[in-house]
Amino acid sequence: MSHRVSIKNMVFYGFHGVYEFERELGQRFYVDIDMKANLEQAGKSDRLEETVDYVAVYNQTKDIIEHQRFQLLEALSYHIAGEVLRLHPLVQEVVVRVRKPSVPIAAALDYVEVEAVRSREQ
């Protein structure tokens, strides 16, 4: 049996970007995380220990975005996905989407988004 646990539209302030001013001034980043896992046992037992603790996933994501620095959204999303897999053994696949609304280009757009998909097979 497969389940999905999703955390949508988390907002963090981080210092990521290719340009020095992005790493100095910082900006908001929006993150979605979708995790696939077999959580049948949690459904039967109603015990937190048998599911994916989304509070822990939120806190880990917050720590990565607020305390580490990456130039590329690709590296940031890949790292978050890897940590979810490393710290949550029930998760079989994770999709991490990182959105950056304040991109340094002269264009009208809502945001740039990078999606990383990682699984235990990788």
PDB file of N, CA and C in Angstrom:
ATOM      1  N   MET A   1       0.847  -1.180   0.000  1.00  0.00           N
ATOM      2  CA  MET A   1       0.000   0.000   0.000  1.00  0.00           C
ATOM      3  C   MET A   1       0.890   1.240   0.000  1.00  0.00           C
ATOM      4  N   SER A   2       0.538   2.208  -0.806  1.00  0.00           N
ATOM      5  CA  SER A   2       1.339   3.421  -0.918  1.00  0.00           C
ATOM      6  C   SER A   2       0.558   4.622  -0.407  1.00  0.00           C
ATOM      7  N   HIS A   3       1.241   5.464   0.327  1.00  0.00           N
ATOM      8  CA  HIS A   3       0.668   6.700   0.838  1.00  0.00           C
ATOM      9  C   HIS A   3       1.541   7.866   0.394  1.00  0.00           C
ATOM     10  N   ARG A   4       0.967   9.042   0.457  1.00  0.00           N
ATOM     11  CA  ARG A   4       1.730  10.244   0.154  1.00  0.00           C
ATOM     12  C   ARG A   4       1.520  11.242   1.281  1.00  0.00           C
ATOM     13  N   VAL A   5       2.616  11.778   1.783  1.00  0.00           N
ATOM     14  CA  VAL A   5       2.589  12.845   2.782  1.00  0.00           C
ATOM     15  C   VAL A   5       3.144  14.085   2.091  1.00  0.00           C
ATOM     16  N   SER A   6       2.385  15.164   2.110  1.00  0.00           N
ATOM     17  CA  SER A   6       2.798  16.392   1.432  1.00  0.00           C
ATOM     18  C   SER A   6       2.832  17.561   2.399  1.00  0.00           C
ATOM     19  N   ILE A   7       3.834  18.393   2.217  1.00  0.00           N
ATOM     20  CA  ILE A   7       3.928  19.667   2.931  1.00  0.00           C
ATOM     21  C   ILE A   7       4.017  20.726   1.841  1.00  0.00           C
ATOM     22  N   LYS A   8       3.068  21.631   1.819  1.00  0.00           N
ATOM     23  CA  LYS A   8       2.968  22.571   0.702  1.00  0.00           C
ATOM     24  C   LYS A   8       3.222  24.013   1.127  1.00  0.00           C
ATOM     25  N   ASN A   9       3.920  24.713   0.247  1.00  0.00           N
ATOM     26  CA  ASN A   9       4.100  26.158   0.326  1.00  0.00           C
ATOM     27  C   ASN A   9       4.758  26.632   1.627  1.00  0.00           C
ATOM     28  N   MET A  10       5.771  25.888   2.067  1.00  0.00           N
ATOM     29  CA  MET A  10       6.558  26.349   3.210  1.00  0.00           C
ATOM     30  C   MET A  10       7.339  27.579   2.759  1.00  0.00           C
ATOM     31  N   VAL A  11       7.500  28.545   3.642  1.00  0.00           N
ATOM     32  CA  VAL A  11       8.197  29.782   3.305  1.00  0.00           C
ATOM     33  C   VAL A  11       9.378  29.957   4.257  1.00  0.00           C
ATOM     34  N   PHE A  12      10.561  30.173   3.665  1.00  0.00           N
ATOM     35  CA  PHE A  12      11.775  30.355   4.447  1.00  0.00           C
ATOM     36  C   PHE A  12      12.569  31.523   3.874  1.00  0.00           C
ATOM     37  N   TYR A  13      13.435  32.078   4.688  1.00  0.00           N
ATOM     38  CA  TYR A  13      14.331  33.134   4.232  1.00  0.00           C
ATOM     39  C   TYR A  13      15.734  32.557   4.188  1.00  0.00           C
ATOM     40  N   GLY A  14      16.358  32.596   2.999  1.00  0.00           N
ATOM     41  CA  GLY A  14      17.679  32.018   2.845  1.00  0.00           C
ATOM     42  C   GLY A  14      18.596  32.880   2.006  1.00  0.00           C
ATOM     43  N   PHE A  15      19.838  32.466   1.924  1.00  0.00           N
ATOM     44  CA  PHE A  15      20.884  33.233   1.257  1.00  0.00           C
ATOM     45  C   PHE A  15      21.511  32.394   0.148  1.00  0.00           C
ATOM     46  N   HIS A  16      20.706  32.078  -0.852  1.00  0.00           N
ATOM     47  CA  HIS A  16      21.125  31.213  -1.949  1.00  0.00           C
ATOM     48  C   HIS A  16      21.063  31.992  -3.250  1.00  0.00           C
ATOM     49  N   GLY A  17      22.004  31.706  -4.131  1.00  0.00           N
ATOM     50  CA  GLY A  17      21.998  32.330  -5.440  1.00  0.00           C
ATOM     51  C   GLY A  17      23.385  32.376  -6.035  1.00  0.00           C
ATOM     52  N   VAL A  18      23.430  32.581  -7.314  1.00  0.00           N
ATOM     53  CA  VAL A  18      24.696  32.660  -8.031  1.00  0.00           C
ATOM     54  C   VAL A  18      25.390  33.990  -7.752  1.00  0.00           C
ATOM     55  N   TYR A  19      24.605  35.039  -7.622  1.00  0.00           N
ATOM     56  CA  TYR A  19      25.172  36.374  -7.458  1.00  0.00           C
ATOM     57  C   TYR A  19      25.438  36.691  -5.994  1.00  0.00           C
ATOM     58  N   GLU A  20      26.521  37.425  -5.784  1.00  0.00           N
ATOM     59  CA  GLU A  20      26.938  37.767  -4.422  1.00  0.00           C
ATOM     60  C   GLU A  20      25.845  38.514  -3.659  1.00  0.00           C
ATOM     61  N   PHE A  21      25.161  39.448  -4.310  1.00  0.00           N
ATOM     62  CA  PHE A  21      24.123  40.206  -3.603  1.00  0.00           C
ATOM     63  C   PHE A  21      22.990  39.302  -3.117  1.00  0.00           C
ATOM     64  N   GLU A  22      22.711  38.213  -3.821  1.00  0.00           N
ATOM     65  CA  GLU A  22      21.682  37.276  -3.373  1.00  0.00           C
ATOM     66  C   GLU A  22      22.118  36.573  -2.088  1.00  0.00           C
ATOM     67  N   ARG A  23      23.403  36.240  -2.033  1.00  0.00           N
ATOM     68  CA  ARG A  23      23.938  35.540  -0.861  1.00  0.00           C
ATOM     69  C   ARG A  23      24.135  36.483   0.313  1.00  0.00           C
ATOM     70  N   GLU A  24      24.209  37.787   0.047  1.00  0.00           N
ATOM     71  CA  GLU A  24      24.361  38.771   1.125  1.00  0.00           C
ATOM     72  C   GLU A  24      23.013  39.266   1.650  1.00  0.00           C
ATOM     73  N   LEU A  25      22.097  39.602   0.740  1.00  0.00           N
ATOM     74  CA  LEU A  25      20.809  40.169   1.136  1.00  0.00           C
ATOM     75  C   LEU A  25      19.786  39.102   1.505  1.00  0.00           C
ATOM     76  N   GLY A  26      19.844  37.964   0.833  1.00  0.00           N
ATOM     77  CA  GLY A  26      18.875  36.905   1.064  1.00  0.00           C
ATOM     78  C   GLY A  26      17.527  37.211   0.442  1.00  0.00           C
ATOM     79  N   GLN A  27      16.646  36.229   0.518  1.00  0.00           N
ATOM     80  CA  GLN A  27      15.303  36.374  -0.023  1.00  0.00           C
ATOM     81  C   GLN A  27      14.438  35.198   0.419  1.00  0.00           C
ATOM     82  N   ARG A  28      13.161  35.282   0.108  1.00  0.00           N
ATOM     83  CA  ARG A  28      12.247  34.189   0.445  1.00  0.00           C
ATOM     84  C   ARG A  28      12.340  33.064  -0.573  1.00  0.00           C
ATOM     85  N   PHE A  29      12.184  31.848  -0.052  1.00  0.00           N
ATOM     86  CA  PHE A  29      12.101  30.650  -0.864  1.00  0.00           C
ATOM     87  C   PHE A  29      10.855  29.888  -0.434  1.00  0.00           C
ATOM     88  N   TYR A  30      10.149  29.311  -1.403  1.00  0.00           N
ATOM     89  CA  TYR A  30       8.945  28.541  -1.144  1.00  0.00           C
ATOM     90  C   TYR A  30       9.237  27.088  -1.496  1.00  0.00           C
ATOM     91  N   VAL A  31       8.821  26.180  -0.628  1.00  0.00           N
ATOM     92  CA  VAL A  31       9.175  24.773  -0.799  1.00  0.00           C
ATOM     93  C   VAL A  31       7.948  23.885  -0.635  1.00  0.00           C
ATOM     94  N   ASP A  32       7.825  22.907  -1.535  1.00  0.00           N
ATOM     95  CA  ASP A  32       6.842  21.828  -1.416  1.00  0.00           C
ATOM     96  C   ASP A  32       7.620  20.524  -1.314  1.00  0.00           C
ATOM     97  N   ILE A  33       7.160  19.622  -0.461  1.00  0.00           N
ATOM     98  CA  ILE A  33       7.764  18.301  -0.359  1.00  0.00           C
ATOM     99  C   ILE A  33       6.648  17.263  -0.396  1.00  0.00           C
ATOM    100  N   ASP A  34       6.779  16.314  -1.323  1.00  0.00           N
ATOM    101  CA  ASP A  34       5.866  15.168  -1.418  1.00  0.00           C
ATOM    102  C   ASP A  34       6.676  13.909  -1.142  1.00  0.00           C
ATOM    103  N   MET A  35       6.205  13.092  -0.207  1.00  0.00           N
ATOM    104  CA  MET A  35       6.919  11.870   0.164  1.00  0.00           C
ATOM    105  C   MET A  35       6.007  10.673  -0.019  1.00  0.00           C
ATOM    106  N   LYS A  36       6.515   9.649  -0.701  1.00  0.00           N
ATOM    107  CA  LYS A  36       5.778   8.400  -0.881  1.00  0.00           C
ATOM    108  C   LYS A  36       6.340   7.365   0.088  1.00  0.00           C
ATOM    109  N   ALA A  37       5.426   6.682   0.760  1.00  0.00           N
ATOM    110  CA  ALA A  37       5.840   5.668   1.740  1.00  0.00           C
ATOM    111  C   ALA A  37       4.694   4.701   1.976  1.00  0.00           C
ATOM    112  N   ASN A  38       5.034   3.526   2.455  1.00  0.00           N
ATOM    113  CA  ASN A  38       4.019   2.578   2.886  1.00  0.00           C
ATOM    114  C   ASN A  38       3.725   2.869   4.355  1.00  0.00           C
ATOM    115  N   LEU A  39       2.588   3.455   4.608  1.00  0.00           N
ATOM    116  CA  LEU A  39       2.214   3.861   5.965  1.00  0.00           C
ATOM    117  C   LEU A  39       1.012   3.076   6.480  1.00  0.00           C
ATOM    118  N   GLU A  40       0.837   1.885   5.955  1.00  0.00           N
ATOM    119  CA  GLU A  40      -0.288   1.043   6.359  1.00  0.00           C
ATOM    120  C   GLU A  40      -0.253   0.772   7.868  1.00  0.00           C
ATOM    121  N   GLN A  41       0.927   0.487   8.398  1.00  0.00           N
ATOM    122  CA  GLN A  41       1.042   0.196   9.832  1.00  0.00           C
ATOM    123  C   GLN A  41       0.620   1.393  10.679  1.00  0.00           C
ATOM    124  N   ALA A  42       0.987   2.591  10.264  1.00  0.00           N
ATOM    125  CA  ALA A  42       0.577   3.799  10.987  1.00  0.00           C
ATOM    126  C   ALA A  42      -0.942   3.963  10.941  1.00  0.00           C
ATOM    127  N   GLY A  43      -1.521   3.615   9.799  1.00  0.00           N
ATOM    128  CA  GLY A  43      -2.978   3.694   9.684  1.00  0.00           C
ATOM    129  C   GLY A  43      -3.680   2.752  10.638  1.00  0.00           C
ATOM    130  N   LYS A  44      -3.063   1.617  10.882  1.00  0.00           N
ATOM    131  CA  LYS A  44      -3.653   0.639  11.802  1.00  0.00           C
ATOM    132  C   LYS A  44      -3.378   0.990  13.263  1.00  0.00           C
ATOM    133  N   SER A  45      -2.160   1.470  13.537  1.00  0.00           N
ATOM    134  CA  SER A  45      -1.754   1.661  14.936  1.00  0.00           C
ATOM    135  C   SER A  45      -2.033   3.051  15.480  1.00  0.00           C
ATOM    136  N   ASP A  46      -2.113   4.052  14.591  1.00  0.00           N
ATOM    137  CA  ASP A  46      -2.302   5.445  15.006  1.00  0.00           C
ATOM    138  C   ASP A  46      -1.125   5.937  15.854  1.00  0.00           C
ATOM    139  N   ARG A  47       0.101   5.492  15.494  1.00  0.00           N
ATOM    140  CA  ARG A  47       1.295   5.853  16.255  1.00  0.00           C
ATOM    141  C   ARG A  47       2.251   6.669  15.381  1.00  0.00           C
ATOM    142  N   LEU A  48       2.710   7.783  15.915  1.00  0.00           N
ATOM    143  CA  LEU A  48       3.627   8.664  15.203  1.00  0.00           C
ATOM    144  C   LEU A  48       4.911   7.949  14.792  1.00  0.00           C
ATOM    145  N   GLU A  49       5.381   7.023  15.597  1.00  0.00           N
ATOM    146  CA  GLU A  49       6.629   6.315  15.319  1.00  0.00           C
ATOM    147  C   GLU A  49       6.555   5.465  14.045  1.00  0.00           C
ATOM    148  N   GLU A  50       5.371   5.237  13.531  1.00  0.00           N
ATOM    149  CA  GLU A  50       5.197   4.375  12.366  1.00  0.00           C
ATOM    150  C   GLU A  50       4.779   5.138  11.112  1.00  0.00           C
ATOM    151  N   THR A  51       5.047   6.437  11.136  1.00  0.00           N
ATOM    152  CA  THR A  51       4.738   7.249   9.968  1.00  0.00           C
ATOM    153  C   THR A  51       5.879   8.212   9.703  1.00  0.00           C
ATOM    154  N   VAL A  52       5.699   9.108   8.761  1.00  0.00           N
ATOM    155  CA  VAL A  52       6.672  10.155   8.471  1.00  0.00           C
ATOM    156  C   VAL A  52       6.292  11.377   9.297  1.00  0.00           C
ATOM    157  N   ASP A  53       7.187  11.791  10.155  1.00  0.00           N
ATOM    158  CA  ASP A  53       6.946  12.941  11.030  1.00  0.00           C
ATOM    159  C   ASP A  53       7.148  14.219  10.222  1.00  0.00           C
ATOM    160  N   TYR A  54       6.063  14.822   9.751  1.00  0.00           N
ATOM    161  CA  TYR A  54       6.183  15.988   8.889  1.00  0.00           C
ATOM    162  C   TYR A  54       6.687  17.210   9.631  1.00  0.00           C
ATOM    163  N   VAL A  55       6.548  17.245  10.952  1.00  0.00           N
ATOM    164  CA  VAL A  55       7.134  18.341  11.729  1.00  0.00           C
ATOM    165  C   VAL A  55       8.664  18.253  11.652  1.00  0.00           C
ATOM    166  N   ALA A  56       9.202  17.047  11.760  1.00  0.00           N
ATOM    167  CA  ALA A  56      10.651  16.856  11.645  1.00  0.00           C
ATOM    168  C   ALA A  56      11.128  17.224  10.244  1.00  0.00           C
ATOM    169  N   VAL A  57      10.374  16.853   9.210  1.00  0.00           N
ATOM    170  CA  VAL A  57      10.749  17.200   7.833  1.00  0.00           C
ATOM    171  C   VAL A  57      10.758  18.716   7.665  1.00  0.00           C
ATOM    172  N   TYR A  58       9.739  19.382   8.188  1.00  0.00           N
ATOM    173  CA  TYR A  58       9.687  20.853   8.130  1.00  0.00           C
ATOM    174  C   TYR A  58      10.917  21.459   8.802  1.00  0.00           C
ATOM    175  N   ASN A  59      11.221  21.006  10.010  1.00  0.00           N
ATOM    176  CA  ASN A  59      12.348  21.572  10.755  1.00  0.00           C
ATOM    177  C   ASN A  59      13.684  21.319  10.055  1.00  0.00           C
ATOM    178  N   GLN A  60      13.844  20.150   9.451  1.00  0.00           N
ATOM    179  CA  GLN A  60      15.083  19.852   8.720  1.00  0.00           C
ATOM    180  C   GLN A  60      15.211  20.750   7.488  1.00  0.00           C
ATOM    181  N   THR A  61      14.105  20.941   6.789  1.00  0.00           N
ATOM    182  CA  THR A  61      14.108  21.801   5.610  1.00  0.00           C
ATOM    183  C   THR A  61      14.429  23.236   5.997  1.00  0.00           C
ATOM    184  N   LYS A  62      13.814  23.703   7.056  1.00  0.00           N
ATOM    185  CA  LYS A  62      14.067  25.056   7.566  1.00  0.00           C
ATOM    186  C   LYS A  62      15.540  25.235   7.904  1.00  0.00           C
ATOM    187  N   ASP A  63      16.122  24.260   8.577  1.00  0.00           N
ATOM    188  CA  ASP A  63      17.524  24.331   8.964  1.00  0.00           C
ATOM    189  C   ASP A  63      18.437  24.393   7.733  1.00  0.00           C
ATOM    190  N   ILE A  64      18.159  23.585   6.737  1.00  0.00           N
ATOM    191  CA  ILE A  64      18.977  23.585   5.523  1.00  0.00           C
ATOM    192  C   ILE A  64      18.889  24.940   4.815  1.00  0.00           C
ATOM    193  N   ILE A  65      17.686  25.437   4.622  1.00  0.00           N
ATOM    194  CA  ILE A  65      17.520  26.680   3.868  1.00  0.00           C
ATOM    195  C   ILE A  65      18.066  27.881   4.630  1.00  0.00           C
ATOM    196  N   GLU A  66      17.875  27.899   5.943  1.00  0.00           N
ATOM    197  CA  GLU A  66      18.284  29.072   6.711  1.00  0.00           C
ATOM    198  C   GLU A  66      19.739  29.053   7.155  1.00  0.00           C
ATOM    199  N   HIS A  67      20.390  27.886   7.176  1.00  0.00           N
ATOM    200  CA  HIS A  67      21.749  27.820   7.723  1.00  0.00           C
ATOM    201  C   HIS A  67      22.812  27.316   6.756  1.00  0.00           C
ATOM    202  N   GLN A  68      22.413  26.842   5.599  1.00  0.00           N
ATOM    203  CA  GLN A  68      23.388  26.433   4.596  1.00  0.00           C
ATOM    204  C   GLN A  68      23.250  27.358   3.397  1.00  0.00           C
ATOM    205  N   ARG A  69      24.245  27.323   2.528  1.00  0.00           N
ATOM    206  CA  ARG A  69      24.209  28.198   1.357  1.00  0.00           C
ATOM    207  C   ARG A  69      24.520  27.404   0.094  1.00  0.00           C
ATOM    208  N   PHE A  70      23.709  27.652  -0.920  1.00  0.00           N
ATOM    209  CA  PHE A  70      23.879  27.016  -2.219  1.00  0.00           C
ATOM    210  C   PHE A  70      23.778  28.083  -3.295  1.00  0.00           C
ATOM    211  N   GLN A  71      24.523  27.902  -4.362  1.00  0.00           N
ATOM    212  CA  GLN A  71      24.390  28.823  -5.489  1.00  0.00           C
ATOM    213  C   GLN A  71      23.170  28.470  -6.329  1.00  0.00           C
ATOM    214  N   LEU A  72      22.931  27.179  -6.503  1.00  0.00           N
ATOM    215  CA  LEU A  72      21.882  26.730  -7.412  1.00  0.00           C
ATOM    216  C   LEU A  72      20.685  26.137  -6.687  1.00  0.00           C
ATOM    217  N   LEU A  73      19.495  26.414  -7.210  1.00  0.00           N
ATOM    218  CA  LEU A  73      18.290  25.771  -6.686  1.00  0.00           C
ATOM    219  C   LEU A  73      18.362  24.265  -6.881  1.00  0.00           C
ATOM    220  N   GLU A  74      19.023  23.831  -7.939  1.00  0.00           N
ATOM    221  CA  GLU A  74      19.191  22.409  -8.194  1.00  0.00           C
ATOM    222  C   GLU A  74      19.923  21.739  -7.027  1.00  0.00           C
ATOM    223  N   ALA A  75      20.979  22.371  -6.544  1.00  0.00           N
ATOM    224  CA  ALA A  75      21.755  21.814  -5.426  1.00  0.00           C
ATOM    225  C   ALA A  75      20.946  21.863  -4.135  1.00  0.00           C
ATOM    226  N   LEU A  76      20.239  22.944  -3.909  1.00  0.00           N
ATOM    227  CA  LEU A  76      19.421  23.086  -2.699  1.00  0.00           C
ATOM    228  C   LEU A  76      18.329  22.018  -2.657  1.00  0.00           C
ATOM    229  N   SER A  77      17.587  21.854  -3.739  1.00  0.00           N
ATOM    230  CA  SER A  77      16.491  20.880  -3.753  1.00  0.00           C
ATOM    231  C   SER A  77      17.025  19.449  -3.665  1.00  0.00           C
ATOM    232  N   TYR A  78      18.139  19.157  -4.327  1.00  0.00           N
ATOM    233  CA  TYR A  78      18.753  17.836  -4.277  1.00  0.00           C
ATOM    234  C   TYR A  78      19.198  17.501  -2.851  1.00  0.00           C
ATOM    235  N   HIS A  79      19.787  18.477  -2.176  1.00  0.00           N
ATOM    236  CA  HIS A  79      20.259  18.264  -0.802  1.00  0.00           C
ATOM    237  C   HIS A  79      19.082  18.017   0.154  1.00  0.00           C
ATOM    238  N   ILE A  80      18.032  18.803   0.034  1.00  0.00           N
ATOM    239  CA  ILE A  80      16.853  18.605   0.884  1.00  0.00           C
ATOM    240  C   ILE A  80      16.287  17.204   0.668  1.00  0.00           C
ATOM    241  N   ALA A  81      16.151  16.802  -0.592  1.00  0.00           N
ATOM    242  CA  ALA A  81      15.608  15.470  -0.901  1.00  0.00           C
ATOM    243  C   ALA A  81      16.476  14.378  -0.295  1.00  0.00           C
ATOM    244  N   GLY A  82      17.783  14.521  -0.399  1.00  0.00           N
ATOM    245  CA  GLY A  82      18.697  13.533   0.169  1.00  0.00           C
ATOM    246  C   GLY A  82      18.575  13.418   1.675  1.00  0.00           C
ATOM    247  N   GLU A  83      18.399  14.542   2.339  1.00  0.00           N
ATOM    248  CA  GLU A  83      18.252  14.524   3.795  1.00  0.00           C
ATOM    249  C   GLU A  83      16.929  13.879   4.218  1.00  0.00           C
ATOM    250  N   VAL A  84      15.881  14.118   3.452  1.00  0.00           N
ATOM    251  CA  VAL A  84      14.602  13.458   3.759  1.00  0.00           C
ATOM    252  C   VAL A  84      14.774  11.943   3.689  1.00  0.00           C
ATOM    253  N   LEU A  85      15.417  11.464   2.629  1.00  0.00           N
ATOM    254  CA  LEU A  85      15.629  10.019   2.492  1.00  0.00           C
ATOM    255  C   LEU A  85      16.549   9.482   3.594  1.00  0.00           C
ATOM    256  N   ARG A  86      17.585  10.223   3.919  1.00  0.00           N
ATOM    257  CA  ARG A  86      18.548   9.763   4.923  1.00  0.00           C
ATOM    258  C   ARG A  86      17.925   9.686   6.318  1.00  0.00           C
ATOM    259  N   LEU A  87      17.105  10.663   6.660  1.00  0.00           N
ATOM    260  CA  LEU A  87      16.592  10.762   8.030  1.00  0.00           C
ATOM    261  C   LEU A  87      15.227  10.115   8.240  1.00  0.00           C
ATOM    262  N   HIS A  88      14.581   9.699   7.159  1.00  0.00           N
ATOM    263  CA  HIS A  88      13.238   9.121   7.274  1.00  0.00           C
ATOM    264  C   HIS A  88      13.188   7.820   6.481  1.00  0.00           C
ATOM    265  N   PRO A  89      13.541   6.713   7.114  1.00  0.00           N
ATOM    266  CA  PRO A  89      13.676   5.438   6.398  1.00  0.00           C
ATOM    267  C   PRO A  89      12.387   4.911   5.773  1.00  0.00           C
ATOM    268  N   LEU A  90      11.235   5.364   6.210  1.00  0.00           N
ATOM    269  CA  LEU A  90       9.983   4.910   5.605  1.00  0.00           C
ATOM    270  C   LEU A  90       9.736   5.543   4.231  1.00  0.00           C
ATOM    271  N   VAL A  91      10.344   6.686   3.974  1.00  0.00           N
ATOM    272  CA  VAL A  91      10.138   7.378   2.701  1.00  0.00           C
ATOM    273  C   VAL A  91      10.872   6.624   1.600  1.00  0.00           C
ATOM    274  N   GLN A  92      10.127   6.238   0.569  1.00  0.00           N
ATOM    275  CA  GLN A  92      10.704   5.525  -0.571  1.00  0.00           C
ATOM    276  C   GLN A  92      11.053   6.455  -1.725  1.00  0.00           C
ATOM    277  N   GLU A  93      10.288   7.535  -1.852  1.00  0.00           N
ATOM    278  CA  GLU A  93      10.547   8.518  -2.901  1.00  0.00           C
ATOM    279  C   GLU A  93      10.146   9.889  -2.377  1.00  0.00           C
ATOM    280  N   VAL A  94      10.917  10.893  -2.748  1.00  0.00           N
ATOM    281  CA  VAL A  94      10.609  12.254  -2.328  1.00  0.00           C
ATOM    282  C   VAL A  94      10.726  13.185  -3.529  1.00  0.00           C
ATOM    283  N   VAL A  95       9.795  14.120  -3.599  1.00  0.00           N
ATOM    284  CA  VAL A  95       9.814  15.168  -4.611  1.00  0.00           C
ATOM    285  C   VAL A  95       9.908  16.488  -3.863  1.00  0.00           C
ATOM    286  N   VAL A  96      10.943  17.260  -4.167  1.00  0.00           N
ATOM    287  CA  VAL A  96      11.146  18.561  -3.533  1.00  0.00           C
ATOM    288  C   VAL A  96      11.088  19.626  -4.617  1.00  0.00           C
ATOM    289  N   ARG A  97      10.196  20.587  -4.439  1.00  0.00           N
ATOM    290  CA  ARG A  97      10.099  21.729  -5.341  1.00  0.00           C
ATOM    291  C   ARG A  97      10.499  22.986  -4.574  1.00  0.00           C
ATOM    292  N   VAL A  98      11.477  23.715  -5.111  1.00  0.00           N
ATOM    293  CA  VAL A  98      11.914  24.972  -4.512  1.00  0.00           C
ATOM    294  C   VAL A  98      11.606  26.088  -5.495  1.00  0.00           C
ATOM    295  N   ARG A  99      10.873  27.096  -5.006  1.00  0.00           N
ATOM    296  CA  ARG A  99      10.514  28.246  -5.826  1.00  0.00           C
ATOM    297  C   ARG A  99      11.237  29.491  -5.322  1.00  0.00           C
ATOM    298  N   LYS A 100      11.700  30.272  -6.281  1.00  0.00           N
ATOM    299  CA  LYS A 100      12.407  31.515  -5.983  1.00  0.00           C
ATOM    300  C   LYS A 100      11.681  32.629  -6.733  1.00  0.00           C
ATOM    301  N   PRO A 101      10.888  33.444  -6.031  1.00  0.00           N
ATOM    302  CA  PRO A 101      10.118  34.470  -6.723  1.00  0.00           C
ATOM    303  C   PRO A 101      10.942  35.702  -7.123  1.00  0.00           C
ATOM    304  N   SER A 102      12.007  35.972  -6.425  1.00  0.00           N
ATOM    305  CA  SER A 102      12.797  37.180  -6.706  1.00  0.00           C
ATOM    306  C   SER A 102      14.047  36.833  -7.493  1.00  0.00           C
ATOM    307  N   VAL A 103      13.850  36.404  -8.716  1.00  0.00           N
ATOM    308  CA  VAL A 103      14.998  36.051  -9.554  1.00  0.00           C
ATOM    309  C   VAL A 103      15.592  37.317 -10.165  1.00  0.00           C
ATOM    310  N   PRO A 104      16.916  37.347 -10.281  1.00  0.00           N
ATOM    311  CA  PRO A 104      17.573  38.559 -10.793  1.00  0.00           C
ATOM    312  C   PRO A 104      17.613  38.622 -12.316  1.00  0.00           C
ATOM    313  N   ILE A 105      16.436  38.651 -12.923  1.00  0.00           N
ATOM    314  CA  ILE A 105      16.360  38.827 -14.372  1.00  0.00           C
ATOM    315  C   ILE A 105      15.285  39.873 -14.674  1.00  0.00           C
ATOM    316  N   ALA A 106      15.458  40.572 -15.753  1.00  0.00           N
ATOM    317  CA  ALA A 106      14.498  41.602 -16.152  1.00  0.00           C
ATOM    318  C   ALA A 106      13.372  40.930 -16.931  1.00  0.00           C
ATOM    319  N   ALA A 107      12.407  40.409 -16.185  1.00  0.00           N
ATOM    320  CA  ALA A 107      11.288  39.728 -16.826  1.00  0.00           C
ATOM    321  C   ALA A 107      10.091  39.738 -15.878  1.00  0.00           C
ATOM    322  N   ALA A 108       8.911  39.647 -16.447  1.00  0.00           N
ATOM    323  CA  ALA A 108       7.698  39.531 -15.646  1.00  0.00           C
ATOM    324  C   ALA A 108       7.391  38.050 -15.483  1.00  0.00           C
ATOM    325  N   LEU A 109       7.495  37.556 -14.254  1.00  0.00           N
ATOM    326  CA  LEU A 109       7.192  36.162 -13.969  1.00  0.00           C
ATOM    327  C   LEU A 109       6.878  36.007 -12.487  1.00  0.00           C
ATOM    328  N   ASP A 110       6.200  34.926 -12.150  1.00  0.00           N
ATOM    329  CA  ASP A 110       5.854  34.671 -10.758  1.00  0.00           C
ATOM    330  C   ASP A 110       7.044  34.137  -9.977  1.00  0.00           C
ATOM    331  N   TYR A 111       7.725  33.159 -10.557  1.00  0.00           N
ATOM    332  CA  TYR A 111       8.857  32.535  -9.873  1.00  0.00           C
ATOM    333  C   TYR A 111       9.563  31.576 -10.813  1.00  0.00           C
ATOM    334  N   VAL A 112      10.748  31.161 -10.381  1.00  0.00           N
ATOM    335  CA  VAL A 112      11.463  30.060 -11.015  1.00  0.00           C
ATOM    336  C   VAL A 112      11.384  28.896 -10.040  1.00  0.00           C
ATOM    337  N   GLU A 113      11.172  27.693 -10.568  1.00  0.00           N
ATOM    338  CA  GLU A 113      11.028  26.517  -9.712  1.00  0.00           C
ATOM    339  C   GLU A 113      11.922  25.399 -10.226  1.00  0.00           C
ATOM    340  N   VAL A 114      12.559  24.719  -9.273  1.00  0.00           N
ATOM    341  CA  VAL A 114      13.326  23.511  -9.595  1.00  0.00           C
ATOM    342  C   VAL A 114      12.732  22.363  -8.808  1.00  0.00           C
ATOM    343  N   GLU A 115      12.583  21.223  -9.455  1.00  0.00           N
ATOM    344  CA  GLU A 115      12.034  20.041  -8.818  1.00  0.00           C
ATOM    345  C   GLU A 115      13.087  18.938  -8.815  1.00  0.00           C
ATOM    346  N   ALA A 116      13.339  18.375  -7.643  1.00  0.00           N
ATOM    347  CA  ALA A 116      14.236  17.230  -7.505  1.00  0.00           C
ATOM    348  C   ALA A 116      13.411  16.022  -7.092  1.00  0.00           C
ATOM    349  N   VAL A 117      13.601  14.908  -7.801  1.00  0.00           N
ATOM    350  CA  VAL A 117      12.928  13.651  -7.474  1.00  0.00           C
ATOM    351  C   VAL A 117      14.018  12.648  -7.138  1.00  0.00           C
ATOM    352  N   ARG A 118      13.963  12.123  -5.926  1.00  0.00           N
ATOM    353  CA  ARG A 118      14.946  11.111  -5.509  1.00  0.00           C
ATOM    354  C   ARG A 118      14.228   9.951  -4.862  1.00  0.00           C
ATOM    355  N   SER A 119      14.803   8.778  -5.038  1.00  0.00           N
ATOM    356  CA  SER A 119      14.224   7.588  -4.434  1.00  0.00           C
ATOM    357  C   SER A 119      15.340   6.741  -3.830  1.00  0.00           C
ATOM    358  N   ARG A 120      14.975   5.726  -3.094  1.00  0.00           N
ATOM    359  CA  ARG A 120      15.943   4.858  -2.441  1.00  0.00           C
ATOM    360  C   ARG A 120      16.802   4.111  -3.453  1.00  0.00           C
ATOM    361  N   GLU A 121      16.333   3.918  -4.677  1.00  0.00           N
ATOM    362  CA  GLU A 121      17.099   3.211  -5.694  1.00  0.00           C
ATOM    363  C   GLU A 121      18.262   4.034  -6.220  1.00  0.00           C
ATOM    364  N   GLN A 122      18.243   5.346  -6.027  1.00  0.00           N
ATOM    365  CA  GLN A 122      19.288   6.225  -6.576  1.00  0.00           C
ATOM    366  C   GLN A 122      20.496   6.250  -5.675  1.00  0.00           C
TER     367      GLN A 122
END
